[in-house]
N, C-alpha and C. Protein backbone atom coordinates (compact mmCIF):
# COMPACT_ATOMS: atom_id res chain seq x y z
N MET A 1 15.75 -16.17 -0.42
CA MET A 1 15.89 -14.74 -0.31
C MET A 1 14.71 -14.20 0.49
N ALA A 2 15.03 -13.38 1.46
CA ALA A 2 13.99 -12.79 2.31
C ALA A 2 13.60 -11.41 1.79
N ASN A 3 12.32 -11.14 1.83
CA ASN A 3 11.84 -9.79 1.56
C ASN A 3 11.68 -9.09 2.89
N ILE A 4 12.26 -7.91 3.00
CA ILE A 4 12.11 -7.12 4.21
C ILE A 4 11.49 -5.80 3.81
N PHE A 5 10.29 -5.55 4.28
CA PHE A 5 9.60 -4.29 4.02
C PHE A 5 9.99 -3.32 5.13
N VAL A 6 10.58 -2.19 4.75
CA VAL A 6 10.95 -1.15 5.71
C VAL A 6 10.12 0.06 5.35
N ASN A 7 9.16 0.37 6.18
CA ASN A 7 8.20 1.43 5.86
C ASN A 7 8.13 2.48 6.95
N ASP A 8 7.84 3.68 6.52
CA ASP A 8 7.60 4.80 7.40
C ASP A 8 6.32 4.54 8.18
N ASN A 9 6.31 4.87 9.46
CA ASN A 9 5.08 4.68 10.23
C ASN A 9 4.10 5.83 10.02
N GLN A 10 4.50 6.83 9.24
CA GLN A 10 3.65 7.98 8.90
C GLN A 10 3.07 8.64 10.14
N GLN A 11 3.84 8.64 11.21
CA GLN A 11 3.46 9.26 12.48
C GLN A 11 2.23 8.61 13.13
N HIS A 12 1.93 7.39 12.75
CA HIS A 12 0.85 6.63 13.40
C HIS A 12 1.51 5.69 14.41
N TRP A 13 1.81 6.22 15.56
CA TRP A 13 2.63 5.53 16.55
C TRP A 13 1.97 4.29 17.15
N LYS A 14 0.68 4.13 17.01
CA LYS A 14 0.00 2.96 17.57
C LYS A 14 -0.29 1.89 16.53
N CYS A 15 0.14 2.11 15.29
CA CYS A 15 -0.10 1.14 14.21
C CYS A 15 1.04 0.13 14.15
N ASP A 16 0.71 -1.09 13.79
CA ASP A 16 1.75 -2.06 13.46
C ASP A 16 1.81 -2.16 11.93
N PHE A 17 2.66 -3.04 11.41
CA PHE A 17 2.84 -3.11 9.97
C PHE A 17 1.56 -3.52 9.25
N LYS A 18 0.84 -4.47 9.81
CA LYS A 18 -0.40 -4.91 9.16
C LYS A 18 -1.41 -3.77 9.08
N ASP A 19 -1.47 -2.95 10.12
CA ASP A 19 -2.35 -1.78 10.10
C ASP A 19 -1.93 -0.82 8.98
N MET A 20 -0.62 -0.65 8.79
CA MET A 20 -0.13 0.24 7.75
C MET A 20 -0.48 -0.28 6.36
N VAL A 21 -0.39 -1.59 6.15
CA VAL A 21 -0.74 -2.18 4.86
C VAL A 21 -2.22 -1.92 4.57
N VAL A 22 -3.06 -2.13 5.56
CA VAL A 22 -4.50 -1.88 5.39
C VAL A 22 -4.74 -0.41 5.08
N ARG A 23 -4.13 0.47 5.85
CA ARG A 23 -4.32 1.91 5.69
C ARG A 23 -3.87 2.38 4.30
N CYS A 24 -2.71 1.93 3.85
CA CYS A 24 -2.19 2.34 2.54
C CYS A 24 -2.89 1.65 1.38
N GLY A 25 -3.58 0.55 1.65
CA GLY A 25 -4.28 -0.18 0.60
C GLY A 25 -5.74 0.21 0.42
N LEU A 26 -6.21 1.17 1.21
CA LEU A 26 -7.60 1.62 1.07
C LEU A 26 -7.82 2.20 -0.32
N PRO A 27 -9.02 2.02 -0.88
CA PRO A 27 -9.29 2.47 -2.25
C PRO A 27 -8.95 3.93 -2.53
N HIS A 28 -9.11 4.83 -1.56
CA HIS A 28 -8.83 6.25 -1.77
C HIS A 28 -7.34 6.59 -1.65
N SER A 29 -6.52 5.64 -1.22
CA SER A 29 -5.09 5.89 -1.04
C SER A 29 -4.37 5.89 -2.38
N LEU A 30 -3.47 6.88 -2.56
CA LEU A 30 -2.69 6.95 -3.80
C LEU A 30 -1.82 5.71 -3.99
N GLY A 31 -1.40 5.09 -2.90
CA GLY A 31 -0.52 3.94 -2.99
C GLY A 31 -1.22 2.60 -3.10
N ALA A 32 -2.54 2.59 -3.15
CA ALA A 32 -3.30 1.34 -3.16
C ALA A 32 -2.85 0.36 -4.26
N PRO A 33 -2.64 0.80 -5.50
CA PRO A 33 -2.21 -0.15 -6.53
C PRO A 33 -0.85 -0.78 -6.22
N ILE A 34 0.05 -0.01 -5.63
CA ILE A 34 1.38 -0.54 -5.29
C ILE A 34 1.25 -1.53 -4.14
N VAL A 35 0.44 -1.20 -3.15
CA VAL A 35 0.23 -2.10 -2.01
C VAL A 35 -0.31 -3.44 -2.51
N LYS A 36 -1.26 -3.38 -3.43
CA LYS A 36 -1.84 -4.61 -3.97
C LYS A 36 -0.78 -5.43 -4.72
N LEU A 37 0.07 -4.74 -5.48
CA LEU A 37 1.12 -5.40 -6.26
C LEU A 37 2.17 -6.04 -5.36
N LEU A 38 2.53 -5.36 -4.30
CA LEU A 38 3.60 -5.82 -3.41
C LEU A 38 3.09 -6.50 -2.15
N GLU A 39 1.85 -6.90 -2.15
CA GLU A 39 1.22 -7.48 -0.97
C GLU A 39 2.14 -8.45 -0.23
N PRO A 40 2.46 -8.15 1.02
CA PRO A 40 3.35 -9.02 1.79
C PRO A 40 2.76 -10.41 2.01
N THR A 41 3.65 -11.39 2.17
CA THR A 41 3.24 -12.76 2.47
C THR A 41 3.66 -13.10 3.89
N ALA A 42 3.29 -14.26 4.34
CA ALA A 42 3.64 -14.71 5.70
C ALA A 42 5.15 -14.92 5.84
N ASP A 43 5.87 -15.08 4.73
CA ASP A 43 7.32 -15.30 4.78
C ASP A 43 8.13 -14.01 4.83
N ASP A 44 7.48 -12.87 4.66
CA ASP A 44 8.18 -11.59 4.63
C ASP A 44 8.42 -11.04 6.03
N TYR A 45 9.41 -10.15 6.11
CA TYR A 45 9.75 -9.48 7.36
C TYR A 45 9.33 -8.02 7.26
N PHE A 46 9.11 -7.38 8.42
CA PHE A 46 8.62 -6.01 8.44
C PHE A 46 9.37 -5.20 9.48
N VAL A 47 9.73 -3.99 9.10
CA VAL A 47 10.36 -3.04 10.01
C VAL A 47 9.69 -1.70 9.79
N LEU A 48 9.14 -1.11 10.84
CA LEU A 48 8.59 0.24 10.75
C LEU A 48 9.66 1.21 11.22
N LYS A 49 9.85 2.27 10.45
CA LYS A 49 10.88 3.25 10.78
C LYS A 49 10.23 4.59 11.17
N PRO A 50 10.80 5.28 12.14
CA PRO A 50 10.21 6.54 12.57
C PRO A 50 10.66 7.74 11.73
N THR A 51 11.70 7.58 10.92
CA THR A 51 12.23 8.67 10.11
C THR A 51 12.47 8.19 8.69
N HIS A 52 13.16 8.99 7.90
CA HIS A 52 13.48 8.62 6.53
C HIS A 52 14.46 7.45 6.44
N ALA A 53 15.23 7.23 7.49
CA ALA A 53 16.31 6.25 7.46
C ALA A 53 15.86 4.89 8.02
N GLY A 54 16.18 3.83 7.31
CA GLY A 54 15.74 2.49 7.67
C GLY A 54 16.43 1.87 8.87
N PHE A 55 17.67 2.28 9.16
CA PHE A 55 18.39 1.70 10.29
C PHE A 55 18.18 2.48 11.57
N TYR A 56 17.99 3.78 11.45
CA TYR A 56 17.91 4.66 12.62
C TYR A 56 16.67 4.34 13.46
N GLY A 57 16.91 3.93 14.71
CA GLY A 57 15.83 3.66 15.64
C GLY A 57 14.99 2.43 15.31
N THR A 58 15.58 1.48 14.56
CA THR A 58 14.83 0.26 14.19
C THR A 58 15.65 -0.98 14.50
N THR A 59 15.03 -2.12 14.24
CA THR A 59 15.69 -3.42 14.44
C THR A 59 16.31 -3.96 13.15
N LEU A 60 16.38 -3.14 12.11
CA LEU A 60 16.83 -3.62 10.80
C LEU A 60 18.23 -4.23 10.84
N GLU A 61 19.18 -3.57 11.47
CA GLU A 61 20.54 -4.09 11.50
C GLU A 61 20.60 -5.47 12.16
N ARG A 62 19.92 -5.63 13.26
CA ARG A 62 19.89 -6.91 13.97
C ARG A 62 19.25 -8.00 13.10
N LEU A 63 18.15 -7.67 12.43
CA LEU A 63 17.47 -8.62 11.56
C LEU A 63 18.39 -9.07 10.42
N LEU A 64 19.06 -8.14 9.78
CA LEU A 64 19.98 -8.48 8.68
C LEU A 64 21.12 -9.36 9.18
N HIS A 65 21.60 -9.07 10.37
CA HIS A 65 22.66 -9.89 10.98
C HIS A 65 22.15 -11.31 11.22
N GLU A 66 20.97 -11.45 11.79
CA GLU A 66 20.39 -12.77 12.06
C GLU A 66 20.17 -13.57 10.77
N LEU A 67 19.85 -12.88 9.69
CA LEU A 67 19.61 -13.55 8.40
C LEU A 67 20.90 -13.74 7.59
N CYS A 68 22.04 -13.30 8.15
CA CYS A 68 23.35 -13.41 7.51
C CYS A 68 23.38 -12.73 6.13
N VAL A 69 22.77 -11.58 6.04
CA VAL A 69 22.69 -10.83 4.78
C VAL A 69 23.98 -10.04 4.57
N LYS A 70 24.50 -10.09 3.35
CA LYS A 70 25.70 -9.33 2.98
C LYS A 70 25.41 -8.32 1.87
N THR A 71 24.38 -8.61 1.07
CA THR A 71 24.00 -7.77 -0.05
C THR A 71 22.55 -7.35 0.09
N LEU A 72 22.29 -6.06 -0.13
CA LEU A 72 20.92 -5.56 -0.08
C LEU A 72 20.49 -5.14 -1.48
N ILE A 73 19.33 -5.59 -1.88
CA ILE A 73 18.70 -5.11 -3.11
C ILE A 73 17.63 -4.15 -2.64
N MET A 74 17.86 -2.88 -2.88
CA MET A 74 16.98 -1.84 -2.35
C MET A 74 16.09 -1.26 -3.45
N THR A 75 14.82 -1.11 -3.13
CA THR A 75 13.86 -0.50 -4.03
C THR A 75 13.03 0.48 -3.21
N GLY A 76 12.29 1.34 -3.86
CA GLY A 76 11.40 2.18 -3.08
C GLY A 76 11.04 3.50 -3.71
N ILE A 77 10.15 4.13 -3.00
CA ILE A 77 9.67 5.46 -3.39
C ILE A 77 10.48 6.47 -2.60
N SER A 78 10.67 7.62 -3.16
CA SER A 78 11.45 8.68 -2.55
C SER A 78 12.93 8.32 -2.55
N ALA A 79 13.42 8.03 -3.75
CA ALA A 79 14.83 7.64 -3.93
C ALA A 79 15.79 8.67 -3.33
N HIS A 80 15.45 9.94 -3.43
CA HIS A 80 16.32 11.02 -2.97
C HIS A 80 16.21 11.28 -1.47
N GLN A 81 15.31 10.57 -0.79
CA GLN A 81 15.19 10.73 0.66
C GLN A 81 15.31 9.38 1.35
N CYS A 82 14.22 8.64 1.45
CA CYS A 82 14.19 7.40 2.22
C CYS A 82 15.19 6.36 1.70
N VAL A 83 15.19 6.12 0.40
CA VAL A 83 16.12 5.13 -0.14
C VAL A 83 17.55 5.62 0.03
N LEU A 84 17.78 6.90 -0.22
CA LEU A 84 19.13 7.47 -0.10
C LEU A 84 19.65 7.38 1.33
N PHE A 85 18.85 7.78 2.31
CA PHE A 85 19.31 7.74 3.69
C PHE A 85 19.56 6.32 4.16
N THR A 86 18.68 5.41 3.79
CA THR A 86 18.87 4.00 4.18
C THR A 86 20.07 3.40 3.47
N ALA A 87 20.27 3.75 2.21
CA ALA A 87 21.44 3.25 1.47
C ALA A 87 22.74 3.77 2.10
N ASN A 88 22.74 5.03 2.52
CA ASN A 88 23.92 5.58 3.21
C ASN A 88 24.23 4.77 4.46
N GLU A 89 23.21 4.51 5.25
CA GLU A 89 23.40 3.73 6.48
C GLU A 89 23.91 2.33 6.17
N ALA A 90 23.36 1.72 5.13
CA ALA A 90 23.79 0.37 4.74
C ALA A 90 25.25 0.37 4.28
N TYR A 91 25.62 1.37 3.51
CA TYR A 91 27.00 1.50 3.02
C TYR A 91 27.97 1.62 4.20
N LEU A 92 27.60 2.43 5.19
CA LEU A 92 28.46 2.58 6.37
C LEU A 92 28.61 1.28 7.15
N ARG A 93 27.64 0.39 7.00
CA ARG A 93 27.68 -0.92 7.66
C ARG A 93 28.29 -1.98 6.74
N GLU A 94 28.84 -1.55 5.62
CA GLU A 94 29.58 -2.39 4.67
C GLU A 94 28.74 -3.43 3.95
N PHE A 95 27.47 -3.13 3.71
CA PHE A 95 26.65 -4.00 2.87
C PHE A 95 26.95 -3.68 1.41
N GLU A 96 26.92 -4.70 0.57
CA GLU A 96 26.98 -4.50 -0.87
C GLU A 96 25.59 -4.02 -1.28
N LEU A 97 25.52 -3.03 -2.17
CA LEU A 97 24.24 -2.44 -2.53
C LEU A 97 23.90 -2.64 -4.01
N ILE A 98 22.70 -3.11 -4.23
CA ILE A 98 22.12 -3.18 -5.57
C ILE A 98 20.84 -2.35 -5.49
N ILE A 99 20.77 -1.32 -6.31
CA ILE A 99 19.60 -0.44 -6.32
C ILE A 99 19.16 -0.30 -7.78
N PRO A 100 18.33 -1.24 -8.25
CA PRO A 100 17.94 -1.20 -9.67
C PRO A 100 17.26 0.13 -10.03
N ARG A 101 17.78 0.76 -11.06
CA ARG A 101 17.31 2.10 -11.45
C ARG A 101 15.83 2.16 -11.80
N ASP A 102 15.28 1.05 -12.24
CA ASP A 102 13.86 1.05 -12.60
C ASP A 102 12.97 0.61 -11.44
N CYS A 103 13.55 0.54 -10.25
CA CYS A 103 12.78 0.13 -9.07
C CYS A 103 12.80 1.18 -7.97
N VAL A 104 13.18 2.41 -8.33
CA VAL A 104 13.12 3.52 -7.39
C VAL A 104 12.42 4.70 -8.08
N ALA A 105 11.77 5.52 -7.28
CA ALA A 105 11.03 6.66 -7.82
C ALA A 105 11.23 7.88 -6.92
N SER A 106 11.00 9.03 -7.50
CA SER A 106 11.01 10.30 -6.77
C SER A 106 9.92 11.19 -7.35
N LYS A 107 9.67 12.29 -6.68
CA LYS A 107 8.64 13.20 -7.18
C LYS A 107 9.01 13.81 -8.53
N THR A 108 10.32 14.06 -8.74
CA THR A 108 10.75 14.65 -10.00
C THR A 108 11.87 13.82 -10.62
N ALA A 109 12.03 13.97 -11.91
CA ALA A 109 13.10 13.27 -12.62
C ALA A 109 14.47 13.74 -12.11
N GLN A 110 14.59 15.03 -11.79
CA GLN A 110 15.85 15.57 -11.30
C GLN A 110 16.23 14.94 -9.96
N GLN A 111 15.28 14.76 -9.05
CA GLN A 111 15.55 14.13 -7.76
C GLN A 111 16.00 12.69 -7.94
N ARG A 112 15.33 11.97 -8.84
CA ARG A 112 15.67 10.57 -9.10
C ARG A 112 17.07 10.47 -9.71
N LYS A 113 17.37 11.34 -10.66
CA LYS A 113 18.69 11.33 -11.31
C LYS A 113 19.79 11.62 -10.28
N PHE A 114 19.54 12.61 -9.42
CA PHE A 114 20.50 12.92 -8.35
C PHE A 114 20.78 11.67 -7.51
N ALA A 115 19.71 11.01 -7.07
CA ALA A 115 19.85 9.84 -6.20
C ALA A 115 20.62 8.73 -6.90
N LEU A 116 20.27 8.42 -8.14
CA LEU A 116 20.96 7.35 -8.87
C LEU A 116 22.44 7.66 -9.07
N THR A 117 22.75 8.90 -9.37
CA THR A 117 24.16 9.31 -9.52
C THR A 117 24.89 9.13 -8.20
N TYR A 118 24.26 9.52 -7.12
CA TYR A 118 24.86 9.40 -5.79
C TYR A 118 25.06 7.93 -5.42
N PHE A 119 24.03 7.10 -5.66
CA PHE A 119 24.14 5.68 -5.34
C PHE A 119 25.36 5.07 -6.02
N LYS A 120 25.53 5.40 -7.28
CA LYS A 120 26.61 4.80 -8.07
C LYS A 120 27.97 5.39 -7.72
N SER A 121 28.07 6.71 -7.67
CA SER A 121 29.38 7.34 -7.51
C SER A 121 29.89 7.38 -6.07
N VAL A 122 29.01 7.54 -5.12
CA VAL A 122 29.45 7.65 -3.72
C VAL A 122 29.34 6.32 -2.98
N LEU A 123 28.22 5.62 -3.17
CA LEU A 123 27.98 4.38 -2.42
C LEU A 123 28.42 3.13 -3.18
N HIS A 124 28.90 3.33 -4.41
CA HIS A 124 29.38 2.22 -5.25
C HIS A 124 28.30 1.15 -5.44
N ALA A 125 27.06 1.59 -5.50
CA ALA A 125 25.94 0.66 -5.70
C ALA A 125 25.85 0.29 -7.17
N ASP A 126 25.38 -0.91 -7.42
CA ASP A 126 25.08 -1.35 -8.78
C ASP A 126 23.68 -0.85 -9.08
N VAL A 127 23.54 0.01 -10.07
CA VAL A 127 22.25 0.61 -10.39
C VAL A 127 21.72 0.16 -11.75
N ARG A 128 22.21 -0.99 -12.22
CA ARG A 128 21.66 -1.50 -13.48
C ARG A 128 20.18 -1.81 -13.32
N ALA A 129 19.46 -1.80 -14.43
CA ALA A 129 18.02 -2.07 -14.43
C ALA A 129 17.74 -3.47 -13.90
N SER A 130 16.54 -3.67 -13.41
CA SER A 130 16.16 -4.94 -12.77
C SER A 130 16.27 -6.15 -13.70
N VAL A 131 16.24 -5.96 -15.01
CA VAL A 131 16.35 -7.11 -15.92
C VAL A 131 17.70 -7.81 -15.79
N HIS A 132 18.68 -7.14 -15.20
CA HIS A 132 20.01 -7.74 -15.01
C HIS A 132 20.08 -8.68 -13.82
N TRP A 133 19.02 -8.71 -13.02
CA TRP A 133 19.03 -9.50 -11.79
C TRP A 133 17.99 -10.60 -11.86
N ARG A 134 18.36 -11.75 -11.38
CA ARG A 134 17.41 -12.87 -11.28
C ARG A 134 17.01 -12.99 -9.82
N ILE A 135 15.98 -12.28 -9.47
CA ILE A 135 15.53 -12.24 -8.08
C ILE A 135 14.50 -13.34 -7.91
N ARG A 136 14.81 -14.28 -7.05
CA ARG A 136 13.97 -15.46 -6.88
C ARG A 136 13.19 -15.40 -5.57
N SER A 137 12.32 -14.45 -5.46
CA SER A 137 11.47 -14.39 -4.27
C SER A 137 10.02 -14.50 -4.70
N ALA A 138 9.19 -14.87 -3.78
CA ALA A 138 7.77 -15.00 -4.08
C ALA A 138 7.20 -13.66 -4.53
N THR A 139 7.63 -12.58 -3.91
CA THR A 139 7.13 -11.26 -4.30
C THR A 139 7.56 -10.92 -5.72
N ALA A 140 8.81 -11.16 -6.07
CA ALA A 140 9.30 -10.86 -7.42
C ALA A 140 8.54 -11.68 -8.46
N ARG A 141 8.28 -12.94 -8.18
CA ARG A 141 7.53 -13.77 -9.13
C ARG A 141 6.10 -13.27 -9.27
N ARG A 142 5.50 -12.85 -8.16
CA ARG A 142 4.13 -12.34 -8.19
C ARG A 142 4.06 -11.05 -9.01
N ILE A 143 5.03 -10.17 -8.84
CA ILE A 143 5.06 -8.92 -9.59
C ILE A 143 5.23 -9.20 -11.08
N ALA A 144 6.13 -10.13 -11.41
CA ALA A 144 6.35 -10.47 -12.82
C ALA A 144 5.08 -11.02 -13.46
N ARG A 145 4.37 -11.89 -12.77
CA ARG A 145 3.12 -12.45 -13.30
C ARG A 145 2.08 -11.36 -13.51
N ARG A 146 1.94 -10.48 -12.53
CA ARG A 146 0.95 -9.40 -12.65
C ARG A 146 1.32 -8.42 -13.75
N ALA A 147 2.62 -8.13 -13.89
CA ALA A 147 3.05 -7.20 -14.93
C ALA A 147 2.75 -7.75 -16.31
N LYS A 148 2.88 -9.06 -16.50
CA LYS A 148 2.58 -9.69 -17.79
C LYS A 148 1.10 -9.62 -18.11
N SER A 149 0.26 -9.64 -17.08
CA SER A 149 -1.19 -9.65 -17.32
C SER A 149 -1.77 -8.25 -17.52
N VAL A 150 -0.97 -7.22 -17.27
CA VAL A 150 -1.47 -5.84 -17.41
C VAL A 150 -1.31 -5.35 -18.83
């Protein structure tokens, strides 16, 4: 299973993905703990997106095609924006969607609830909690080990 990180370039047009990881992992960054937890490995793939949507203006569709991917397990912050827009694009491209409810976040509970309802009712995504999935990736194993030690 391949991990593909699809991240906003945050309007830093001269940064590559490694620069973004460093920038978001700085001690003063609000996202530093998450960056440390999800630290990419050499086996992971990276796509920087210019907008909220993961497919628009990126190489994501081509990469998924090359990897022969049929099902996407989507996680992320801003469930009601970035995850929602990318999930819409994926649905239109006929990918099967798994969006574990405990692996997406929004600024408010209402925004998150809206997104989860939409994922399930409109995009026919499976939104069961992550405990229902046996994800066998290096990142998932690393997160599970760290979560047990906290």
